[in-house]
Amino acid sequence: ELRVLDLSNNSFLGELPLSLQNCTELSFINLRDNSFSGKLPAWMGESLLSLIILDLHSNKFHGCIPLQLCRLAHIQFFDLCQNNISGNIPRCLYNLTAMAFKNTNNKHTKEDVYTYMDGTQVTFITVK
């Protein structure tokens, strides 16, 4: 059963295939830096309940965030940056306590520090 899907940094375009909703064991989806388009699929919050990481950064999604995504109780990383998302952020997303936020206090280092809602921190160091 497929648990990780990383199609990042390609030239995929169009809407996400509906067949992905059958991959119910997926915990990691990275589709960043493509040209996927259309509305954010509500089925992600209905079928992919094991998701921990959902990275849709830098695509061409539009519209609002579907309320169904609030059912992703295990989600820890959810990136919609550089899309054309509009509307309000659903209040129910604030109830997803596994979510993390990036700590911007270390502007002079090459470290990315993410703080989880429960106060724990994870540090990622960029090595070039």
N, C-alpha and C. Protein backbone atom coordinates (compact mmCIF):
# COMPACT_ATOMS: atom_id res chain seq x y z
N GLU A 1 0.83 -1.18 0.00
CA GLU A 1 0.00 0.00 0.00
C GLU A 1 0.88 1.24 0.00
N LEU A 2 0.54 2.17 -0.84
CA LEU A 2 1.31 3.40 -1.00
C LEU A 2 1.17 4.28 0.24
N ARG A 3 2.31 4.64 0.83
CA ARG A 3 2.31 5.49 2.02
C ARG A 3 2.96 6.86 1.75
N VAL A 4 3.88 6.90 0.77
CA VAL A 4 4.60 8.14 0.45
C VAL A 4 4.46 8.41 -1.04
N LEU A 5 4.08 9.65 -1.36
CA LEU A 5 3.99 10.08 -2.75
C LEU A 5 4.72 11.41 -2.88
N ASP A 6 5.85 11.40 -3.57
CA ASP A 6 6.64 12.61 -3.78
C ASP A 6 6.80 12.84 -5.28
N LEU A 7 6.04 13.78 -5.80
CA LEU A 7 6.11 14.16 -7.22
C LEU A 7 6.57 15.60 -7.35
N SER A 8 7.31 16.08 -6.38
CA SER A 8 7.73 17.48 -6.36
C SER A 8 8.68 17.83 -7.49
N ASN A 9 8.72 19.12 -7.81
CA ASN A 9 9.65 19.67 -8.80
C ASN A 9 9.57 19.00 -10.16
N ASN A 10 8.37 18.92 -10.69
CA ASN A 10 8.14 18.38 -12.02
C ASN A 10 7.32 19.38 -12.82
N SER A 11 6.70 18.93 -13.85
CA SER A 11 5.86 19.80 -14.69
C SER A 11 4.45 19.24 -14.82
N PHE A 12 3.98 18.55 -13.77
CA PHE A 12 2.63 18.01 -13.81
C PHE A 12 1.63 19.15 -13.84
N LEU A 13 0.53 18.95 -14.55
CA LEU A 13 -0.50 19.98 -14.61
C LEU A 13 -1.88 19.35 -14.59
N GLY A 14 -2.88 20.18 -14.41
CA GLY A 14 -4.25 19.70 -14.35
C GLY A 14 -4.67 19.39 -12.92
N GLU A 15 -5.87 18.84 -12.81
CA GLU A 15 -6.40 18.51 -11.50
C GLU A 15 -5.77 17.21 -10.99
N LEU A 16 -5.80 17.05 -9.67
CA LEU A 16 -5.28 15.82 -9.09
C LEU A 16 -6.15 14.65 -9.51
N PRO A 17 -5.56 13.51 -9.85
CA PRO A 17 -6.36 12.36 -10.26
C PRO A 17 -7.23 11.85 -9.11
N LEU A 18 -8.50 11.57 -9.42
CA LEU A 18 -9.43 11.06 -8.41
C LEU A 18 -8.97 9.71 -7.86
N SER A 19 -8.18 8.98 -8.61
CA SER A 19 -7.71 7.67 -8.15
C SER A 19 -6.87 7.78 -6.88
N LEU A 20 -6.30 8.96 -6.60
CA LEU A 20 -5.52 9.14 -5.37
C LEU A 20 -6.36 8.94 -4.12
N GLN A 21 -7.66 9.18 -4.23
CA GLN A 21 -8.52 9.01 -3.05
C GLN A 21 -8.60 7.55 -2.61
N ASN A 22 -8.18 6.63 -3.48
CA ASN A 22 -8.16 5.22 -3.12
C ASN A 22 -6.89 4.82 -2.37
N CYS A 23 -5.94 5.73 -2.28
CA CYS A 23 -4.67 5.46 -1.59
C CYS A 23 -4.81 5.88 -0.12
N THR A 24 -5.65 5.17 0.58
CA THR A 24 -6.05 5.57 1.93
C THR A 24 -4.95 5.46 2.98
N GLU A 25 -3.85 4.81 2.66
CA GLU A 25 -2.74 4.67 3.62
C GLU A 25 -1.69 5.76 3.46
N LEU A 26 -1.89 6.68 2.52
CA LEU A 26 -0.90 7.75 2.31
C LEU A 26 -0.72 8.57 3.58
N SER A 27 0.53 8.77 3.97
CA SER A 27 0.83 9.64 5.11
C SER A 27 1.64 10.86 4.68
N PHE A 28 2.21 10.82 3.49
CA PHE A 28 3.09 11.89 3.01
C PHE A 28 2.77 12.15 1.54
N ILE A 29 2.36 13.38 1.24
CA ILE A 29 2.15 13.81 -0.14
C ILE A 29 2.94 15.08 -0.37
N ASN A 30 3.86 15.04 -1.32
CA ASN A 30 4.62 16.23 -1.70
C ASN A 30 4.43 16.46 -3.19
N LEU A 31 3.64 17.48 -3.51
CA LEU A 31 3.36 17.84 -4.90
C LEU A 31 3.88 19.24 -5.23
N ARG A 32 4.74 19.77 -4.39
CA ARG A 32 5.22 21.15 -4.54
C ARG A 32 5.91 21.36 -5.87
N ASP A 33 5.87 22.62 -6.32
CA ASP A 33 6.58 23.05 -7.53
C ASP A 33 6.16 22.27 -8.77
N ASN A 34 4.87 22.27 -9.03
CA ASN A 34 4.29 21.72 -10.25
C ASN A 34 3.29 22.74 -10.77
N SER A 35 2.38 22.31 -11.60
CA SER A 35 1.32 23.19 -12.10
C SER A 35 -0.05 22.53 -11.93
N PHE A 36 -0.21 21.78 -10.82
CA PHE A 36 -1.53 21.23 -10.54
C PHE A 36 -2.51 22.38 -10.36
N SER A 37 -3.76 22.19 -10.78
CA SER A 37 -4.74 23.29 -10.73
C SER A 37 -6.09 22.77 -10.28
N GLY A 38 -7.03 23.67 -10.24
CA GLY A 38 -8.38 23.34 -9.80
C GLY A 38 -8.56 23.69 -8.34
N LYS A 39 -9.71 23.36 -7.83
CA LYS A 39 -9.99 23.59 -6.41
C LYS A 39 -9.29 22.53 -5.58
N LEU A 40 -8.98 22.87 -4.33
CA LEU A 40 -8.42 21.87 -3.43
C LEU A 40 -9.45 20.76 -3.27
N PRO A 41 -9.06 19.52 -3.47
CA PRO A 41 -10.03 18.43 -3.42
C PRO A 41 -10.54 18.16 -2.01
N ALA A 42 -11.85 18.22 -1.84
CA ALA A 42 -12.47 17.91 -0.55
C ALA A 42 -12.25 16.44 -0.19
N TRP A 43 -12.11 15.57 -1.19
CA TRP A 43 -11.94 14.14 -0.91
C TRP A 43 -10.67 13.84 -0.13
N MET A 44 -9.69 14.75 -0.15
CA MET A 44 -8.48 14.52 0.64
C MET A 44 -8.82 14.38 2.12
N GLY A 45 -9.74 15.21 2.59
CA GLY A 45 -10.14 15.16 3.99
C GLY A 45 -11.14 14.07 4.31
N GLU A 46 -11.64 13.42 3.28
CA GLU A 46 -12.60 12.34 3.47
C GLU A 46 -11.94 10.97 3.34
N SER A 47 -10.91 10.86 2.50
CA SER A 47 -10.31 9.57 2.19
C SER A 47 -8.89 9.39 2.72
N LEU A 48 -8.14 10.47 2.86
CA LEU A 48 -6.72 10.36 3.21
C LEU A 48 -6.50 10.73 4.68
N LEU A 49 -7.19 10.05 5.55
CA LEU A 49 -7.20 10.39 6.98
C LEU A 49 -5.89 10.07 7.70
N SER A 50 -4.95 9.39 7.04
CA SER A 50 -3.66 9.08 7.65
C SER A 50 -2.59 10.12 7.32
N LEU A 51 -2.95 11.15 6.57
CA LEU A 51 -1.97 12.15 6.14
C LEU A 51 -1.31 12.85 7.33
N ILE A 52 0.02 12.92 7.27
CA ILE A 52 0.80 13.67 8.24
C ILE A 52 1.41 14.89 7.57
N ILE A 53 1.83 14.73 6.32
CA ILE A 53 2.43 15.83 5.56
C ILE A 53 1.67 15.99 4.24
N LEU A 54 1.22 17.23 3.99
CA LEU A 54 0.56 17.57 2.73
C LEU A 54 1.20 18.85 2.22
N ASP A 55 2.03 18.72 1.20
CA ASP A 55 2.77 19.85 0.65
C ASP A 55 2.30 20.12 -0.77
N LEU A 56 1.51 21.20 -0.92
CA LEU A 56 0.98 21.60 -2.22
C LEU A 56 1.56 22.94 -2.66
N HIS A 57 2.67 23.32 -2.07
CA HIS A 57 3.35 24.59 -2.31
C HIS A 57 3.62 24.80 -3.80
N SER A 58 3.39 26.03 -4.26
CA SER A 58 3.75 26.47 -5.60
C SER A 58 3.10 25.62 -6.70
N ASN A 59 1.78 25.68 -6.72
CA ASN A 59 0.99 25.08 -7.79
C ASN A 59 -0.01 26.14 -8.25
N LYS A 60 -1.11 25.73 -8.82
CA LYS A 60 -2.10 26.68 -9.32
C LYS A 60 -3.50 26.37 -8.78
N PHE A 61 -3.54 25.87 -7.53
CA PHE A 61 -4.83 25.61 -6.91
C PHE A 61 -5.54 26.94 -6.63
N HIS A 62 -6.87 26.92 -6.68
CA HIS A 62 -7.62 28.14 -6.42
C HIS A 62 -8.86 27.81 -5.59
N GLY A 63 -9.53 28.85 -5.15
CA GLY A 63 -10.74 28.67 -4.35
C GLY A 63 -10.42 28.63 -2.87
N CYS A 64 -11.40 28.21 -2.10
CA CYS A 64 -11.23 28.22 -0.65
C CYS A 64 -10.77 26.85 -0.14
N ILE A 65 -10.38 26.82 1.11
CA ILE A 65 -9.95 25.58 1.76
C ILE A 65 -11.20 24.81 2.17
N PRO A 66 -11.40 23.60 1.66
CA PRO A 66 -12.61 22.85 2.01
C PRO A 66 -12.62 22.44 3.48
N LEU A 67 -13.79 22.53 4.09
CA LEU A 67 -13.93 22.16 5.50
C LEU A 67 -13.54 20.71 5.76
N GLN A 68 -13.66 19.87 4.76
CA GLN A 68 -13.33 18.45 4.92
C GLN A 68 -11.87 18.25 5.32
N LEU A 69 -10.99 19.20 4.97
CA LEU A 69 -9.58 19.07 5.33
C LEU A 69 -9.38 19.14 6.84
N CYS A 70 -10.37 19.62 7.55
CA CYS A 70 -10.29 19.67 9.02
C CYS A 70 -10.36 18.28 9.63
N ARG A 71 -10.68 17.28 8.85
CA ARG A 71 -10.74 15.90 9.34
C ARG A 71 -9.37 15.24 9.34
N LEU A 72 -8.35 15.94 8.86
CA LEU A 72 -6.99 15.39 8.83
C LEU A 72 -6.35 15.54 10.21
N ALA A 73 -6.80 14.74 11.14
CA ALA A 73 -6.43 14.86 12.55
C ALA A 73 -4.95 14.66 12.82
N HIS A 74 -4.23 13.94 11.95
CA HIS A 74 -2.82 13.65 12.18
C HIS A 74 -1.88 14.60 11.43
N ILE A 75 -2.43 15.53 10.69
CA ILE A 75 -1.62 16.41 9.85
C ILE A 75 -0.67 17.24 10.72
N GLN A 76 0.61 17.27 10.31
CA GLN A 76 1.60 18.06 11.03
C GLN A 76 2.19 19.15 10.16
N PHE A 77 2.16 18.95 8.85
CA PHE A 77 2.71 19.95 7.93
C PHE A 77 1.74 20.08 6.77
N PHE A 78 1.25 21.31 6.56
CA PHE A 78 0.21 21.58 5.56
C PHE A 78 0.60 22.88 4.87
N ASP A 79 1.13 22.80 3.63
CA ASP A 79 1.67 23.97 2.94
C ASP A 79 0.87 24.24 1.67
N LEU A 80 0.23 25.41 1.65
CA LEU A 80 -0.53 25.86 0.48
C LEU A 80 0.08 27.13 -0.13
N CYS A 81 1.27 27.50 0.28
CA CYS A 81 1.91 28.73 -0.20
C CYS A 81 2.00 28.74 -1.72
N GLN A 82 1.98 29.94 -2.26
CA GLN A 82 2.15 30.20 -3.69
C GLN A 82 1.14 29.43 -4.55
N ASN A 83 -0.11 29.55 -4.13
CA ASN A 83 -1.26 29.10 -4.91
C ASN A 83 -2.19 30.31 -5.00
N ASN A 84 -3.39 30.11 -5.42
CA ASN A 84 -4.35 31.21 -5.49
C ASN A 84 -5.55 30.90 -4.60
N ILE A 85 -5.25 30.55 -3.34
CA ILE A 85 -6.28 30.20 -2.37
C ILE A 85 -6.93 31.50 -1.88
N SER A 86 -8.26 31.46 -1.75
CA SER A 86 -8.99 32.66 -1.31
C SER A 86 -9.97 32.28 -0.21
N GLY A 87 -10.61 33.30 0.33
CA GLY A 87 -11.60 33.06 1.39
C GLY A 87 -10.95 33.04 2.75
N ASN A 88 -11.73 32.61 3.73
CA ASN A 88 -11.26 32.56 5.11
C ASN A 88 -10.60 31.22 5.40
N ILE A 89 -9.68 31.25 6.37
CA ILE A 89 -9.10 30.01 6.87
C ILE A 89 -10.14 29.39 7.79
N PRO A 90 -10.55 28.16 7.51
CA PRO A 90 -11.57 27.54 8.36
C PRO A 90 -11.12 27.46 9.82
N ARG A 91 -12.00 27.86 10.72
CA ARG A 91 -11.67 27.85 12.15
C ARG A 91 -11.31 26.46 12.65
N CYS A 92 -11.89 25.44 12.03
CA CYS A 92 -11.63 24.08 12.48
C CYS A 92 -10.16 23.68 12.31
N LEU A 93 -9.42 24.35 11.43
CA LEU A 93 -7.99 24.04 11.27
C LEU A 93 -7.20 24.33 12.54
N TYR A 94 -7.69 25.27 13.34
CA TYR A 94 -7.01 25.58 14.59
C TYR A 94 -7.12 24.45 15.60
N ASN A 95 -8.02 23.51 15.36
CA ASN A 95 -8.18 22.36 16.26
C ASN A 95 -7.23 21.22 15.92
N LEU A 96 -6.49 21.35 14.85
CA LEU A 96 -5.55 20.30 14.45
C LEU A 96 -4.27 20.48 15.26
N THR A 97 -4.24 19.88 16.44
CA THR A 97 -3.18 20.15 17.41
C THR A 97 -1.82 19.55 17.03
N ALA A 98 -1.77 18.69 16.03
CA ALA A 98 -0.48 18.14 15.60
C ALA A 98 0.27 19.10 14.69
N MET A 99 -0.39 20.19 14.26
CA MET A 99 0.22 21.15 13.34
C MET A 99 1.44 21.82 13.98
N ALA A 100 2.36 22.23 13.13
CA ALA A 100 3.57 22.92 13.57
C ALA A 100 3.65 24.27 12.90
N PHE A 101 4.38 25.19 13.51
CA PHE A 101 4.62 26.47 12.85
C PHE A 101 6.12 26.76 12.87
N LYS A 102 6.57 27.49 11.86
CA LYS A 102 8.00 27.78 11.72
C LYS A 102 8.38 28.93 12.65
N ASN A 103 9.41 28.71 13.43
CA ASN A 103 9.93 29.72 14.35
C ASN A 103 10.90 30.59 13.57
N THR A 104 10.62 31.87 13.46
CA THR A 104 11.45 32.78 12.66
C THR A 104 12.47 33.54 13.49
N ASN A 105 12.73 33.10 14.71
CA ASN A 105 13.69 33.80 15.57
C ASN A 105 15.14 33.63 15.11
N ASN A 106 15.43 32.59 14.32
CA ASN A 106 16.81 32.30 13.90
C ASN A 106 17.06 32.80 12.48
N LYS A 107 16.94 34.09 12.24
CA LYS A 107 17.08 34.64 10.89
C LYS A 107 18.51 34.62 10.38
N HIS A 108 19.49 34.49 11.27
CA HIS A 108 20.89 34.57 10.86
C HIS A 108 21.55 33.20 10.76
N THR A 109 20.77 32.13 10.86
CA THR A 109 21.35 30.79 10.76
C THR A 109 20.72 30.06 9.59
N LYS A 110 21.23 28.90 9.30
CA LYS A 110 20.68 28.07 8.24
C LYS A 110 19.77 26.99 8.83
N GLU A 111 19.24 27.24 10.00
CA GLU A 111 18.36 26.28 10.65
C GLU A 111 16.91 26.69 10.46
N ASP A 112 16.07 25.72 10.22
CA ASP A 112 14.63 25.93 10.22
C ASP A 112 14.09 25.22 11.46
N VAL A 113 13.50 25.99 12.36
CA VAL A 113 12.97 25.42 13.59
C VAL A 113 11.46 25.45 13.52
N TYR A 114 10.84 24.29 13.70
CA TYR A 114 9.39 24.19 13.71
C TYR A 114 8.94 23.87 15.12
N THR A 115 7.97 24.64 15.59
CA THR A 115 7.43 24.41 16.92
C THR A 115 6.04 23.83 16.78
N TYR A 116 5.83 22.70 17.42
CA TYR A 116 4.52 22.08 17.39
C TYR A 116 3.61 22.75 18.40
N MET A 117 2.31 22.61 18.20
CA MET A 117 1.33 23.24 19.07
C MET A 117 1.50 22.83 20.53
N ASP A 118 2.07 21.64 20.76
CA ASP A 118 2.25 21.22 22.15
C ASP A 118 3.55 21.77 22.76
N GLY A 119 4.31 22.58 22.00
CA GLY A 119 5.49 23.24 22.52
C GLY A 119 6.81 22.56 22.17
N THR A 120 6.78 21.33 21.66
CA THR A 120 8.04 20.67 21.29
C THR A 120 8.59 21.30 20.01
N GLN A 121 9.90 21.16 19.81
CA GLN A 121 10.52 21.76 18.63
C GLN A 121 11.32 20.72 17.85
N VAL A 122 11.36 20.92 16.54
CA VAL A 122 12.18 20.10 15.64
C VAL A 122 13.01 21.07 14.82
N THR A 123 14.31 20.78 14.68
CA THR A 123 15.22 21.65 13.94
C THR A 123 15.68 20.92 12.67
N PHE A 124 15.57 21.60 11.52
CA PHE A 124 16.10 21.11 10.27
C PHE A 124 17.25 22.03 9.87
N ILE A 125 18.41 21.46 9.56
CA ILE A 125 19.57 22.24 9.19
C ILE A 125 19.79 22.08 7.68
N THR A 126 19.91 23.21 6.99
CA THR A 126 20.15 23.19 5.55
C THR A 126 21.64 23.03 5.30
N VAL A 127 22.02 21.99 4.58
CA VAL A 127 23.42 21.74 4.27
C VAL A 127 23.59 21.89 2.76
N LYS A 128 24.53 22.74 2.37
CA LYS A 128 24.78 22.97 0.94
C LYS A 128 26.19 22.63 0.59
